Amino acid sequence: MAQLLASLFVSGRIVDGILVLVALEALVLLGVQARWGRGPAPMALLSNLASGAALMLALRAALTGAAWPAIAAWLFVALAAHLAELVIRFREGPRAAQDCDKAAWNNRRWRTFGARPPMT
């Protein structure tokens, strides 16, 4: 078993397996979004996963002994994907939780020092 894991790490194939799992995660989450409308926004999700995948590819390049410009290029791709995700998320703006109690949320200003909202 140790020999198998050692060969997976030396060859970088462990990263390939992780990338397959990341692709499956993307398909499942995009399917949930399409079917039930829940989960992260598709573009934010894809840019997040692209950032992680680029980091994994940088790791693979380092494990296989690639030259430093190849590793730096994958790290730059990861940074670009991460910045793209930040832009997408900041443009979305704050979202209220879907399961928040609307009455309690509307009366939040009365929740200071044990005060109760006026009876109507």
Protein backbone atom coordinates (compact mmCIF):
# COMPACT_ATOMS: atom_id res chain seq x y z
CA MET A 1 0.00 0.00 0.00
CA ALA A 2 2.81 2.39 0.91
CA GLN A 3 4.52 1.62 -2.40
CA LEU A 4 1.31 2.42 -4.32
CA LEU A 5 0.87 5.76 -2.55
CA ALA A 6 4.53 6.62 -3.05
CA SER A 7 4.26 5.96 -6.77
CA LEU A 8 1.07 8.05 -6.98
CA PHE A 9 2.79 11.00 -5.34
CA VAL A 10 6.06 10.73 -7.27
CA SER A 11 4.25 10.54 -10.61
CA GLY A 12 1.73 13.24 -9.72
CA ARG A 13 -1.18 10.87 -10.42
CA ILE A 14 -2.64 11.60 -6.98
CA VAL A 15 -3.43 15.10 -8.24
CA ASP A 16 -5.17 13.65 -11.29
CA GLY A 17 -7.47 11.69 -8.97
CA ILE A 18 -8.22 14.80 -6.95
CA LEU A 19 -8.99 16.73 -10.14
CA VAL A 20 -11.47 14.03 -11.16
CA LEU A 21 -13.18 14.44 -7.78
CA VAL A 22 -13.27 18.23 -8.25
CA ALA A 23 -14.90 17.76 -11.66
CA LEU A 24 -17.50 15.43 -10.14
CA GLU A 25 -18.15 17.97 -7.40
CA ALA A 26 -18.73 20.66 -10.02
CA LEU A 27 -21.17 18.45 -11.93
CA VAL A 28 -23.12 17.56 -8.79
CA LEU A 29 -23.33 21.15 -7.55
CA LEU A 30 -24.30 22.49 -10.98
CA GLY A 31 -26.94 19.75 -11.21
CA VAL A 32 -28.36 20.70 -7.81
CA GLN A 33 -28.42 24.34 -8.87
CA ALA A 34 -30.20 23.51 -12.13
CA ARG A 35 -32.68 21.10 -10.56
CA TRP A 36 -33.60 22.78 -7.27
CA GLY A 37 -32.16 26.30 -7.57
CA ARG A 38 -30.07 25.87 -4.42
CA GLY A 39 -26.36 26.18 -3.86
CA PRO A 40 -23.73 28.64 -5.02
CA ALA A 41 -24.10 30.70 -8.17
CA PRO A 42 -22.67 28.76 -11.12
CA MET A 43 -20.01 31.27 -12.17
CA ALA A 44 -18.80 31.79 -8.60
CA LEU A 45 -18.66 28.03 -8.12
CA LEU A 46 -16.74 27.42 -11.34
CA SER A 47 -14.21 30.17 -10.66
CA ASN A 48 -13.71 28.84 -7.11
CA LEU A 49 -13.14 25.31 -8.37
CA ALA A 50 -10.88 26.59 -11.17
CA SER A 51 -8.73 28.30 -8.57
CA GLY A 52 -8.42 25.08 -6.58
CA ALA A 53 -7.74 23.06 -9.73
CA ALA A 54 -4.97 25.45 -10.74
CA LEU A 55 -3.41 25.06 -7.30
CA MET A 56 -3.59 21.30 -7.71
CA LEU A 57 -1.89 21.57 -11.09
CA ALA A 58 0.85 23.70 -9.54
CA LEU A 59 1.32 20.96 -6.96
CA ARG A 60 1.46 18.34 -9.71
CA ALA A 61 4.07 20.37 -11.55
CA ALA A 62 6.14 20.63 -8.36
CA LEU A 63 5.82 16.91 -7.62
CA THR A 64 6.95 15.93 -11.09
CA GLY A 65 9.95 18.26 -11.04
CA ALA A 66 8.73 20.84 -13.55
CA ALA A 67 10.65 24.07 -13.99
CA TRP A 68 9.71 26.97 -11.79
CA PRO A 69 8.04 28.99 -14.61
CA ALA A 70 5.46 26.22 -15.05
CA ILE A 71 4.68 26.22 -11.33
CA ALA A 72 4.52 30.02 -11.31
CA ALA A 73 2.16 29.99 -14.30
CA TRP A 74 -0.30 27.65 -12.52
CA LEU A 75 -0.11 29.82 -9.41
CA PHE A 76 -0.88 32.88 -11.53
CA VAL A 77 -3.89 31.09 -13.04
CA ALA A 78 -5.07 30.25 -9.52
CA LEU A 79 -4.75 33.90 -8.51
CA ALA A 80 -6.68 35.08 -11.57
CA ALA A 81 -9.49 32.60 -10.92
CA HIS A 82 -9.62 33.60 -7.26
CA LEU A 83 -9.82 37.30 -8.15
CA ALA A 84 -12.57 36.52 -10.66
CA GLU A 85 -14.52 34.76 -7.92
CA LEU A 86 -14.13 37.74 -5.60
CA VAL A 87 -15.42 40.10 -8.30
CA ILE A 88 -18.43 37.84 -8.89
CA ARG A 89 -19.24 37.56 -5.19
CA PHE A 90 -18.89 41.28 -4.53
CA ARG A 91 -21.17 42.07 -7.47
CA GLU A 92 -23.82 39.72 -6.06
CA GLY A 93 -23.97 41.74 -2.86
CA PRO A 94 -25.19 40.50 0.50
CA ARG A 95 -27.92 37.93 0.45
CA ALA A 96 -30.28 37.27 3.34
CA ALA A 97 -30.49 33.68 4.46
CA GLN A 98 -33.42 31.92 2.81
CA ASP A 99 -34.53 30.33 6.05
CA CYS A 100 -34.35 33.40 8.27
CA ASP A 101 -37.35 34.26 10.40
CA LYS A 102 -38.82 37.28 8.61
CA ALA A 103 -40.72 38.59 11.64
CA ALA A 104 -37.66 38.43 13.87
CA TRP A 105 -35.50 39.96 11.14
CA ASN A 106 -37.94 42.87 10.71
CA ASN A 107 -37.98 43.50 14.47
CA ARG A 108 -34.23 43.29 15.02
CA ARG A 109 -33.96 46.91 16.16
CA TRP A 110 -36.12 46.08 19.18
CA ARG A 111 -33.84 43.30 20.34
CA THR A 112 -31.46 45.54 22.25
CA PHE A 113 -31.25 45.18 26.03
CA GLY A 114 -34.21 42.82 26.21
CA ALA A 115 -36.67 45.35 24.74
CA ARG A 116 -39.74 43.96 23.05
CA PRO A 117 -41.41 45.32 19.94
CA PRO A 118 -44.59 47.33 20.52
CA MET A 119 -47.85 45.42 20.44
CA THR A 120 -49.95 46.19 17.38
